[in-house]
N, C-alpha and C. Protein backbone atom coordinates (compact mmCIF):
# COMPACT_ATOMS: atom_id res chain seq x y z
N UNK A 1 1.03 -0.86 -0.09
CA UNK A 1 -0.02 0.19 -0.35
C UNK A 1 0.84 1.53 -0.26
N UNK A 2 2.26 1.69 0.93
CA UNK A 2 2.84 2.90 0.99
C UNK A 2 3.24 2.87 -0.83
N UNK A 3 3.80 2.08 -1.54
CA UNK A 3 4.27 1.78 -2.85
C UNK A 3 3.25 3.09 -3.63
N UNK A 4 1.81 2.76 -3.64
CA UNK A 4 0.98 3.06 -4.27
C UNK A 4 0.48 4.71 -3.55
N UNK A 5 0.58 4.51 -2.31
CA UNK A 5 0.28 5.96 -1.74
C UNK A 5 1.24 6.84 -2.35
N UNK A 6 2.75 6.56 -2.20
CA UNK A 6 3.70 7.03 -2.84
C UNK A 6 3.87 7.87 -4.16
N UNK A 7 3.30 6.93 -4.83
CA UNK A 7 3.23 6.99 -6.07
C UNK A 7 1.76 8.54 -6.43
N UNK A 8 0.88 8.26 -5.47
CA UNK A 8 -0.16 9.41 -5.65
C UNK A 8 0.35 10.60 -5.27
N UNK A 9 1.04 10.44 -4.23
CA UNK A 9 1.64 11.94 -3.90
C UNK A 9 2.71 12.42 -4.66
N UNK A 10 3.40 11.63 -5.50
CA UNK A 10 4.31 12.26 -6.13
C UNK A 10 3.46 12.75 -7.61
N UNK A 11 2.13 12.33 -7.97
CA UNK A 11 1.16 12.53 -8.93
C UNK A 11 0.65 14.19 -8.90
N UNK A 12 0.21 13.76 -7.07
CA UNK A 12 -0.16 15.35 -6.59
C UNK A 12 0.95 16.19 -6.46
N UNK A 13 2.19 16.40 -6.24
CA UNK A 13 3.43 17.10 -6.31
C UNK A 13 3.36 17.51 -7.54
N UNK A 14 3.46 16.67 -8.66
CA UNK A 14 3.73 17.06 -10.12
C UNK A 14 2.26 18.22 -10.70
N UNK A 15 1.37 17.89 -10.03
CA UNK A 15 -0.12 18.62 -10.34
C UNK A 15 -0.03 19.89 -10.24
N UNK A 16 0.59 20.34 -8.72
CA UNK A 16 0.83 20.94 -8.19
C UNK A 16 2.39 22.01 -8.41
N UNK A 17 3.26 21.26 -8.83
CA UNK A 17 4.02 22.17 -9.92
C UNK A 17 3.80 22.34 -10.68
N UNK A 18 2.93 21.91 -11.42
CA UNK A 18 2.45 22.64 -12.84
C UNK A 18 1.40 23.57 -12.25
N UNK A 19 0.73 23.82 -11.88
CA UNK A 19 0.07 25.13 -11.34
C UNK A 19 1.25 26.30 -10.83
N UNK A 20 2.44 25.77 -10.08
CA UNK A 20 3.23 27.04 -9.48
C UNK A 20 3.69 27.51 -10.56
N UNK A 21 4.10 26.40 -11.49
CA UNK A 21 5.10 27.26 -12.97
C UNK A 21 4.04 28.23 -13.42
N UNK A 22 2.83 27.56 -14.23
CA UNK A 22 1.55 28.41 -14.34
C UNK A 22 1.69 29.67 -13.92
N UNK A 23 1.69 29.79 -12.68
CA UNK A 23 1.63 31.13 -12.14
C UNK A 23 3.04 31.65 -11.72
N UNK A 24 3.72 31.14 -11.84
CA UNK A 24 5.44 31.86 -12.08
C UNK A 24 5.71 31.92 -10.65
N UNK A 25 5.30 31.31 -9.80
CA UNK A 25 5.74 31.23 -8.34
C UNK A 25 7.02 30.42 -8.07
N UNK A 26 8.21 30.87 -8.15
CA UNK A 26 9.54 30.30 -7.97
C UNK A 26 9.07 29.65 -6.63
N UNK A 27 9.25 30.49 -5.44
CA UNK A 27 8.64 29.82 -4.07
C UNK A 27 8.10 28.18 -4.30
N UNK A 28 7.02 28.67 -4.73
CA UNK A 28 6.39 27.35 -4.43
C UNK A 28 6.68 26.29 -5.35
N UNK A 29 7.61 26.57 -6.23
CA UNK A 29 8.17 25.56 -7.22
C UNK A 29 9.19 25.12 -6.59
N UNK A 30 10.20 25.79 -5.54
CA UNK A 30 11.00 25.36 -5.07
C UNK A 30 11.00 24.73 -3.55
N UNK A 31 9.69 24.84 -3.55
CA UNK A 31 9.33 24.24 -1.99
C UNK A 31 9.10 23.02 -2.34
N UNK A 32 7.79 22.72 -3.56
CA UNK A 32 7.54 21.39 -4.27
C UNK A 32 8.50 20.15 -4.61
N UNK A 33 9.52 20.72 -5.67
CA UNK A 33 10.68 20.20 -5.84
C UNK A 33 11.09 19.68 -4.52
N UNK A 34 11.38 20.46 -3.51
CA UNK A 34 12.02 19.45 -2.34
C UNK A 34 11.56 18.65 -1.99
N UNK A 35 10.07 18.95 -1.69
CA UNK A 35 9.37 17.77 -1.11
C UNK A 35 9.17 16.96 -1.48
N UNK A 36 9.22 16.67 -3.17
CA UNK A 36 9.31 15.53 -3.93
C UNK A 36 10.41 14.90 -3.83
N UNK A 37 11.53 15.60 -3.56
CA UNK A 37 13.32 15.13 -3.35
C UNK A 37 12.79 14.45 -2.40
N UNK A 38 12.66 14.88 -1.15
CA UNK A 38 12.70 13.99 0.15
C UNK A 38 11.68 12.80 -0.16
N UNK A 39 10.92 13.02 -0.50
CA UNK A 39 10.05 11.60 -1.10
C UNK A 39 10.75 10.63 -1.64
N UNK A 40 11.23 10.66 -2.52
CA UNK A 40 12.22 10.15 -3.84
C UNK A 40 13.18 9.44 -2.36
N UNK A 41 14.30 10.49 -1.91
CA UNK A 41 14.94 10.19 -0.66
C UNK A 41 14.84 8.78 0.01
N UNK A 42 13.20 8.94 0.35
CA UNK A 42 12.56 8.34 1.54
C UNK A 42 12.43 6.65 0.48
N UNK A 43 12.06 6.87 -0.42
CA UNK A 43 12.14 5.57 -1.33
C UNK A 43 13.06 4.91 -1.65
N UNK A 44 14.49 5.86 -1.20
CA UNK A 44 16.00 5.36 -1.64
C UNK A 44 16.01 5.15 -3.04
N UNK A 45 15.45 6.15 -3.69
CA UNK A 45 15.46 6.65 -5.09
C UNK A 45 16.60 7.69 -5.27
N UNK A 46 17.90 7.60 -5.12
CA UNK A 46 18.74 8.82 -4.82
C UNK A 46 18.71 9.62 -6.34
N UNK A 47 19.40 9.21 -7.46
CA UNK A 47 19.30 9.76 -8.38
C UNK A 47 18.04 10.81 -8.97
N UNK A 48 16.88 10.21 -8.43
CA UNK A 48 15.90 10.95 -8.72
C UNK A 48 15.77 12.12 -7.86
N UNK A 49 16.33 12.01 -6.65
CA UNK A 49 15.50 12.78 -5.42
C UNK A 49 17.29 13.90 -5.84
N UNK A 50 18.09 13.55 -6.27
CA UNK A 50 19.44 14.20 -6.52
C UNK A 50 19.04 15.57 -7.61
N UNK A 51 18.22 14.90 -8.91
CA UNK A 51 17.76 16.04 -9.84
C UNK A 51 17.04 16.97 -9.09
N UNK A 52 15.79 16.21 -8.24
CA UNK A 52 14.98 17.21 -7.93
C UNK A 52 15.46 18.47 -7.05
N UNK A 53 16.52 18.05 -6.22
CA UNK A 53 16.95 18.47 -5.03
C UNK A 53 17.59 19.66 -6.09
N UNK A 54 18.52 19.48 -6.82
CA UNK A 54 18.89 20.22 -7.95
C UNK A 54 18.06 21.19 -8.48
N UNK A 55 17.11 20.93 -8.99
CA UNK A 55 16.18 21.96 -9.99
C UNK A 55 15.52 22.85 -8.48
N UNK A 56 15.11 22.43 -7.08
CA UNK A 56 14.87 23.14 -6.11
C UNK A 56 15.74 23.82 -5.84
N UNK A 57 17.19 23.79 -5.68
CA UNK A 57 18.21 24.77 -5.47
C UNK A 57 18.29 25.78 -6.60
N UNK A 58 17.82 25.40 -7.73
CA UNK A 58 17.86 26.62 -8.53
C UNK A 58 16.91 27.60 -8.66
N UNK A 59 15.44 27.03 -8.27
CA UNK A 59 14.54 27.93 -7.82
C UNK A 59 15.32 29.02 -6.65
N UNK A 60 15.48 28.29 -5.57
CA UNK A 60 15.79 29.12 -4.65
C UNK A 60 17.06 30.28 -4.77
N UNK A 61 17.80 29.55 -5.68
CA UNK A 61 19.22 30.72 -6.14
C UNK A 61 18.34 31.93 -6.78
N UNK A 62 17.59 31.83 -7.77
CA UNK A 62 17.00 32.67 -8.41
C UNK A 62 16.17 33.81 -7.44
N UNK A 63 15.68 33.18 -6.73
CA UNK A 63 15.05 34.09 -5.40
C UNK A 63 16.06 34.33 -4.54
N UNK A 64 17.30 33.98 -4.59
CA UNK A 64 18.25 34.56 -3.73
C UNK A 64 18.07 34.58 -2.00
N UNK A 65 17.73 33.20 -1.90
CA UNK A 65 16.91 32.76 -0.80
C UNK A 65 18.38 31.99 0.25
N UNK A 66 19.11 32.78 0.80
CA UNK A 66 19.92 31.29 1.09
C UNK A 66 19.88 30.41 2.33
N UNK A 67 18.56 30.68 3.04
CA UNK A 67 18.26 29.79 4.16
C UNK A 67 17.83 28.45 3.29
N UNK A 68 16.80 28.75 1.87
CA UNK A 68 16.26 27.53 1.25
C UNK A 68 17.30 27.01 1.02
N UNK A 69 18.91 27.38 0.18
CA UNK A 69 19.69 27.06 -0.31
C UNK A 69 20.34 26.27 0.39
N UNK A 70 20.53 26.60 1.30
CA UNK A 70 21.51 26.26 2.48
C UNK A 70 20.42 24.93 3.08
N UNK A 71 19.16 24.14 3.26
CA UNK A 71 18.71 23.19 3.56
C UNK A 71 18.61 22.69 2.47
N UNK A 72 18.71 22.65 1.38
CA UNK A 72 18.73 22.14 0.04
C UNK A 72 20.29 21.84 -0.15
N UNK A 73 21.07 22.33 -0.07
CA UNK A 73 22.66 21.58 -0.19
C UNK A 73 22.57 20.67 0.89
N UNK A 74 22.18 21.33 1.94
CA UNK A 74 22.33 20.16 3.26
C UNK A 74 21.86 18.47 2.69
N UNK A 75 20.67 18.45 2.47
CA UNK A 75 19.58 17.56 1.64
C UNK A 75 21.03 16.78 0.62
N UNK A 76 21.21 17.66 -0.46
CA UNK A 76 22.08 17.02 -1.47
C UNK A 76 23.23 16.71 -0.71
N UNK A 77 24.03 16.82 0.20
CA UNK A 77 25.02 15.99 1.26
C UNK A 77 24.61 15.24 2.00
N UNK A 78 23.63 14.89 2.31
CA UNK A 78 23.09 13.76 3.17
C UNK A 78 23.04 12.85 1.80
N UNK A 79 22.01 12.98 0.86
CA UNK A 79 21.65 11.99 -0.12
C UNK A 79 23.09 11.44 -0.70
N UNK A 80 23.79 12.08 -1.06
CA UNK A 80 25.04 11.80 -1.83
C UNK A 80 25.95 10.50 -0.55
N UNK A 81 26.15 11.34 0.74
CA UNK A 81 26.72 10.65 1.84
C UNK A 81 25.79 8.98 1.83
N UNK A 82 24.65 9.03 1.94
CA UNK A 82 23.52 8.17 1.90
C UNK A 82 23.94 7.10 0.80
N UNK A 83 24.16 7.76 -0.58
CA UNK A 83 23.87 6.95 -1.75
C UNK A 83 25.77 6.28 -1.62
N UNK A 84 26.36 6.92 -1.39
CA UNK A 84 27.56 6.48 -1.13
C UNK A 84 27.73 5.21 -0.33
N UNK A 85 26.81 5.25 1.04
CA UNK A 85 27.04 4.32 2.06
C UNK A 85 26.60 2.69 0.88
N UNK A 86 25.27 3.06 0.51
CA UNK A 86 24.49 1.94 -0.13
C UNK A 86 25.50 1.10 -1.08
N UNK A 87 26.32 1.92 -1.83
CA UNK A 87 27.26 1.35 -3.13
C UNK A 87 28.50 0.81 -2.06
N UNK A 88 28.87 1.35 -1.06
CA UNK A 88 30.26 0.48 -0.21
C UNK A 88 29.57 -0.48 0.56
N UNK A 89 28.47 -0.78 0.94
CA UNK A 89 27.73 -1.39 1.70
C UNK A 89 28.03 -1.23 3.08
N UNK A 90 28.37 0.20 3.85
CA UNK A 90 28.60 0.41 4.83
C UNK A 90 26.90 1.29 5.34
N UNK A 91 26.14 1.15 4.57
CA UNK A 91 25.00 1.52 5.47
C UNK A 91 24.88 1.77 6.78
N UNK A 92 24.19 2.86 6.94
CA UNK A 92 24.51 2.83 8.63
C UNK A 92 23.03 3.94 8.68
N UNK A 93 22.21 3.85 9.63
CA UNK A 93 20.90 4.55 9.91
C UNK A 93 21.08 6.06 10.13
N UNK A 94 20.51 6.85 9.69
CA UNK A 94 20.72 8.16 10.67
C UNK A 94 19.87 8.28 11.88
N UNK A 95 20.44 8.72 13.10
CA UNK A 95 20.19 8.86 14.52
C UNK A 95 19.74 9.63 14.79
N UNK A 96 19.23 9.94 16.12
CA UNK A 96 19.07 11.33 16.80
C UNK A 96 19.97 11.28 17.78
N UNK A 97 20.87 12.02 18.07
CA UNK A 97 21.93 11.99 19.25
C UNK A 97 20.78 12.52 20.32
N UNK A 98 20.92 11.98 21.61
CA UNK A 98 20.47 12.28 22.53
C UNK A 98 21.35 12.56 23.71
N UNK A 99 21.47 13.51 24.87
CA UNK A 99 22.28 13.51 25.47
C UNK A 99 21.98 12.78 26.94
N UNK A 100 23.02 11.88 27.64
CA UNK A 100 22.67 10.77 28.52
C UNK A 100 21.59 11.30 29.72
N UNK A 101 20.80 10.55 30.77
CA UNK A 101 20.05 11.73 31.30
C UNK A 101 21.03 11.38 32.66
């Protein structure tokens, strides 16, 4: 069921992206592209995620938006690192660090 839900979500994102492009809304385009990239990353489709992150980065560069550029660049780094881990067989899960009580 998850795969079908993911496919439906991607379809909705594409429809929303088409509307944002039609409206010329670069911020919404960047946001949607980033969201699509995150979904593809979660599905372990790293090449697709990187292509979408790249498009999102271009949108945020045109807006001169350093905060969102930084967020997307971080996502690109995480994706490249994870893809490298998968390729080298050293995959480790991303964990949240906590301090001992």
